[in-house]
Amino acid sequence: MLWTIDPTRDEPLFAQIAACVRRGLATGDLRAGSRLPPARTLALALDVNLHTVLRAYQDLRDEGLVDLRRGRGAVVAAHGDLDALAGPVAALVDAARRSGVSAPAVVALVQSAFDAPAGNPSSDRPDRPDEEIS
């Protein structure tokens, strides 16, 4: 798996490292049970502070993507079948691009759907952002 970060980007380095893992999961380069590089080794390879890598690993743990255990390191956690989501996600991204919707807006929409009560993701918000609920 290729680990790339760009210190000139506005995105924090720890977020870029976490994004590498998410990308690896999405592409199938990483699977449940895969071991991530030790934080110290990755920090040296990327020329970043050890705590930067640890912050990325902790964020991934908080998202349920990685298990962190002393002596065992960081291991990709068992999760739902991400391959089954690849097609619908690609369709969503394609539709968003055709409609001129930005990536942050799509992410906010998906997050809103996750935050909504199960089984009724759009019950508390209008279909269009410029409409108000009466």
C-alpha atoms as a PDB file:
ATOM      1  CA  MET A   1       0.000   0.000   0.000  1.00  0.00           C
ATOM      2  CA  LEU A   2       1.245   3.457  -0.916  1.00  0.00           C
ATOM      3  CA  TRP A   3       1.351   5.999   1.894  1.00  0.00           C
ATOM      4  CA  THR A   4       1.463   9.553   0.571  1.00  0.00           C
ATOM      5  CA  ILE A   5       1.104  12.850   2.367  1.00  0.00           C
ATOM      6  CA  ASP A   6       1.595  16.413   1.212  1.00  0.00           C
ATOM      7  CA  PRO A   7       2.773  18.857   3.892  1.00  0.00           C
ATOM      8  CA  THR A   8       1.790  21.801   1.669  1.00  0.00           C
ATOM      9  CA  ARG A   9      -1.920  20.895   1.729  1.00  0.00           C
ATOM     10  CA  ASP A  10      -4.321  22.567   4.149  1.00  0.00           C
ATOM     11  CA  GLU A  11      -5.496  19.162   5.392  1.00  0.00           C
ATOM     12  CA  PRO A  12      -3.690  18.138   8.603  1.00  0.00           C
ATOM     13  CA  LEU A  13      -1.056  15.428   8.211  1.00  0.00           C
ATOM     14  CA  PHE A  14      -2.856  13.040  10.586  1.00  0.00           C
ATOM     15  CA  ALA A  15      -6.001  13.357   8.455  1.00  0.00           C
ATOM     16  CA  GLN A  16      -4.007  12.591   5.313  1.00  0.00           C
ATOM     17  CA  ILE A  17      -2.560   9.469   6.954  1.00  0.00           C
ATOM     18  CA  ALA A  18      -6.021   8.322   8.035  1.00  0.00           C
ATOM     19  CA  ALA A  19      -7.278   8.985   4.492  1.00  0.00           C
ATOM     20  CA  CYS A  20      -4.570   6.631   3.154  1.00  0.00           C
ATOM     21  CA  VAL A  21      -5.996   3.840   5.318  1.00  0.00           C
ATOM     22  CA  ARG A  22      -9.569   4.616   4.277  1.00  0.00           C
ATOM     23  CA  ARG A  23      -8.473   4.584   0.640  1.00  0.00           C
ATOM     24  CA  GLY A  24      -6.739   1.234   1.194  1.00  0.00           C
ATOM     25  CA  LEU A  25      -9.973  -0.172   2.615  1.00  0.00           C
ATOM     26  CA  ALA A  26     -12.023   1.208  -0.253  1.00  0.00           C
ATOM     27  CA  THR A  27      -9.696  -0.217  -2.919  1.00  0.00           C
ATOM     28  CA  GLY A  28      -9.270  -3.563  -1.201  1.00  0.00           C
ATOM     29  CA  ASP A  29      -5.557  -3.074  -0.534  1.00  0.00           C
ATOM     30  CA  LEU A  30      -6.393  -3.463   3.165  1.00  0.00           C
ATOM     31  CA  ARG A  31      -8.737  -6.087   4.559  1.00  0.00           C
ATOM     32  CA  ALA A  32      -9.909  -7.036   8.041  1.00  0.00           C
ATOM     33  CA  GLY A  33      -6.949  -8.398   9.959  1.00  0.00           C
ATOM     34  CA  SER A  34      -4.338  -6.502   7.927  1.00  0.00           C
ATOM     35  CA  ARG A  35      -1.627  -5.049  10.104  1.00  0.00           C
ATOM     36  CA  LEU A  36      -0.779  -1.407   9.668  1.00  0.00           C
ATOM     37  CA  PRO A  37       2.861  -0.370   9.954  1.00  0.00           C
ATOM     38  CA  PRO A  38       4.043   0.354  13.489  1.00  0.00           C
ATOM     39  CA  ALA A  39       3.503   4.042  14.249  1.00  0.00           C
ATOM     40  CA  ARG A  40       7.213   4.672  14.783  1.00  0.00           C
ATOM     41  CA  THR A  41       8.147   3.014  11.475  1.00  0.00           C
ATOM     42  CA  LEU A  42       5.495   4.938   9.529  1.00  0.00           C
ATOM     43  CA  ALA A  43       6.472   8.218  11.189  1.00  0.00           C
ATOM     44  CA  LEU A  44      10.086   7.723  10.125  1.00  0.00           C
ATOM     45  CA  ALA A  45       9.096   6.715   6.589  1.00  0.00           C
ATOM     46  CA  LEU A  46       6.818   9.744   6.156  1.00  0.00           C
ATOM     47  CA  ASP A  47       9.151  12.083   8.057  1.00  0.00           C
ATOM     48  CA  VAL A  48       6.444  13.129  10.513  1.00  0.00           C
ATOM     49  CA  ASN A  49       6.175  13.169  14.282  1.00  0.00           C
ATOM     50  CA  LEU A  50       5.234   9.886  15.962  1.00  0.00           C
ATOM     51  CA  HIS A  51       2.229  11.577  17.584  1.00  0.00           C
ATOM     52  CA  THR A  52       0.913  12.556  14.148  1.00  0.00           C
ATOM     53  CA  VAL A  53       0.675   8.878  13.161  1.00  0.00           C
ATOM     54  CA  LEU A  54      -0.764   7.950  16.555  1.00  0.00           C
ATOM     55  CA  ARG A  55      -3.467  10.627  16.146  1.00  0.00           C
ATOM     56  CA  ALA A  56      -4.391   9.173  12.735  1.00  0.00           C
ATOM     57  CA  TYR A  57      -4.549   5.649  14.183  1.00  0.00           C
ATOM     58  CA  GLN A  58      -6.650   6.874  17.123  1.00  0.00           C
ATOM     59  CA  ASP A  59      -9.100   8.607  14.782  1.00  0.00           C
ATOM     60  CA  LEU A  60      -9.384   5.400  12.757  1.00  0.00           C
ATOM     61  CA  ARG A  61      -9.974   3.478  15.978  1.00  0.00           C
ATOM     62  CA  ASP A  62     -12.707   5.939  16.971  1.00  0.00           C
ATOM     63  CA  GLU A  63     -14.346   5.338  13.567  1.00  0.00           C
ATOM     64  CA  GLY A  64     -14.252   1.591  14.193  1.00  0.00           C
ATOM     65  CA  LEU A  65     -11.871   0.927  11.311  1.00  0.00           C
ATOM     66  CA  VAL A  66      -8.800  -0.065  13.328  1.00  0.00           C
ATOM     67  CA  ASP A  67      -8.156  -2.008  16.520  1.00  0.00           C
ATOM     68  CA  LEU A  68      -5.250  -0.753  18.645  1.00  0.00           C
ATOM     69  CA  ARG A  69      -3.700  -3.131  21.145  1.00  0.00           C
ATOM     70  CA  ARG A  70      -0.444  -3.036  23.029  1.00  0.00           C
ATOM     71  CA  GLY A  71       2.040  -5.477  21.611  1.00  0.00           C
ATOM     72  CA  ARG A  72      -0.195  -6.171  18.623  1.00  0.00           C
ATOM     73  CA  GLY A  73      -0.136  -2.751  16.981  1.00  0.00           C
ATOM     74  CA  ALA A  74      -2.778  -1.367  14.671  1.00  0.00           C
ATOM     75  CA  VAL A  75      -4.915  -3.953  12.885  1.00  0.00           C
ATOM     76  CA  VAL A  76      -7.758  -3.313  10.460  1.00  0.00           C
ATOM     77  CA  ALA A  77     -10.986  -4.156  12.253  1.00  0.00           C
ATOM     78  CA  ALA A  78     -13.641  -6.465  10.901  1.00  0.00           C
ATOM     79  CA  HIS A  79     -16.333  -4.374   9.241  1.00  0.00           C
ATOM     80  CA  GLY A  80     -19.235  -4.658   6.880  1.00  0.00           C
ATOM     81  CA  ASP A  81     -18.683  -5.523   3.263  1.00  0.00           C
ATOM     82  CA  LEU A  82     -17.260  -2.304   1.831  1.00  0.00           C
ATOM     83  CA  ASP A  83     -17.101  -3.893  -1.627  1.00  0.00           C
ATOM     84  CA  ALA A  84     -20.896  -3.934  -1.694  1.00  0.00           C
ATOM     85  CA  LEU A  85     -20.898  -0.150  -1.258  1.00  0.00           C
ATOM     86  CA  ALA A  86     -18.390   0.591  -4.039  1.00  0.00           C
ATOM     87  CA  GLY A  87     -21.029   0.737  -6.794  1.00  0.00           C
ATOM     88  CA  PRO A  88     -23.564   2.893  -4.951  1.00  0.00           C
ATOM     89  CA  VAL A  89     -20.823   5.244  -3.745  1.00  0.00           C
ATOM     90  CA  ALA A  90     -19.452   5.613  -7.277  1.00  0.00           C
ATOM     91  CA  ALA A  91     -22.995   6.356  -8.508  1.00  0.00           C
ATOM     92  CA  LEU A  92     -23.469   8.963  -5.765  1.00  0.00           C
ATOM     93  CA  VAL A  93     -20.170  10.663  -6.632  1.00  0.00           C
ATOM     94  CA  ASP A  94     -21.020  10.609 -10.344  1.00  0.00           C
ATOM     95  CA  ALA A  95     -24.452  12.126  -9.698  1.00  0.00           C
ATOM     96  CA  ALA A  96     -22.945  14.782  -7.442  1.00  0.00           C
ATOM     97  CA  ARG A  97     -20.373  15.750 -10.072  1.00  0.00           C
ATOM     98  CA  ARG A  98     -23.040  15.958 -12.804  1.00  0.00           C
ATOM     99  CA  SER A  99     -25.140  18.155 -10.513  1.00  0.00           C
ATOM    100  CA  GLY A 100     -22.232  20.376  -9.500  1.00  0.00           C
ATOM    101  CA  VAL A 101     -22.441  19.371  -5.834  1.00  0.00           C
ATOM    102  CA  SER A 102     -19.164  19.706  -3.937  1.00  0.00           C
ATOM    103  CA  ALA A 103     -17.468  16.845  -2.103  1.00  0.00           C
ATOM    104  CA  PRO A 104     -17.953  18.513   1.313  1.00  0.00           C
ATOM    105  CA  ALA A 105     -21.682  18.890   0.598  1.00  0.00           C
ATOM    106  CA  VAL A 106     -21.957  15.192  -0.311  1.00  0.00           C
ATOM    107  CA  VAL A 107     -20.059  14.212   2.832  1.00  0.00           C
ATOM    108  CA  ALA A 108     -22.401  16.392   4.914  1.00  0.00           C
ATOM    109  CA  LEU A 109     -25.408  14.777   3.229  1.00  0.00           C
ATOM    110  CA  VAL A 110     -24.121  11.269   3.958  1.00  0.00           C
ATOM    111  CA  GLN A 111     -23.300  12.235   7.560  1.00  0.00           C
ATOM    112  CA  SER A 112     -26.805  13.654   7.942  1.00  0.00           C
ATOM    113  CA  ALA A 113     -28.271  10.374   6.695  1.00  0.00           C
ATOM    114  CA  PHE A 114     -26.198   8.450   9.256  1.00  0.00           C
ATOM    115  CA  ASP A 115     -27.310  10.793  12.036  1.00  0.00           C
ATOM    116  CA  ALA A 116     -31.017  10.461  11.149  1.00  0.00           C
ATOM    117  CA  PRO A 117     -33.197   7.834  12.832  1.00  0.00           C
ATOM    118  CA  ALA A 118     -32.784   4.400  11.237  1.00  0.00           C
ATOM    119  CA  GLY A 119     -35.251   3.687   8.470  1.00  0.00           C
ATOM    120  CA  ASN A 120     -36.212   7.329   7.947  1.00  0.00           C
ATOM    121  CA  PRO A 121     -33.127   9.310   6.858  1.00  0.00           C
ATOM    122  CA  SER A 122     -34.971  12.278   5.381  1.00  0.00           C
ATOM    123  CA  SER A 123     -37.860  12.760   7.795  1.00  0.00           C
ATOM    124  CA  ASP A 124     -36.447  15.821   9.529  1.00  0.00           C
ATOM    125  CA  ARG A 125     -34.991  17.757   6.612  1.00  0.00           C
ATOM    126  CA  PRO A 126     -36.333  19.196   3.375  1.00  0.00           C
ATOM    127  CA  ASP A 127     -35.576  17.639  -0.010  1.00  0.00           C
ATOM    128  CA  ARG A 128     -33.850  20.816  -1.100  1.00  0.00           C
ATOM    129  CA  PRO A 129     -31.470  22.852   1.086  1.00  0.00           C
ATOM    130  CA  ASP A 130     -33.190  26.141   0.215  1.00  0.00           C
ATOM    131  CA  GLU A 131     -36.630  24.947   1.361  1.00  0.00           C
ATOM    132  CA  GLU A 132     -37.792  25.297   4.918  1.00  0.00           C
ATOM    133  CA  ILE A 133     -39.813  22.822   6.907  1.00  0.00           C
ATOM    134  CA  SER A 134     -43.222  24.276   7.758  1.00  0.00           C
END
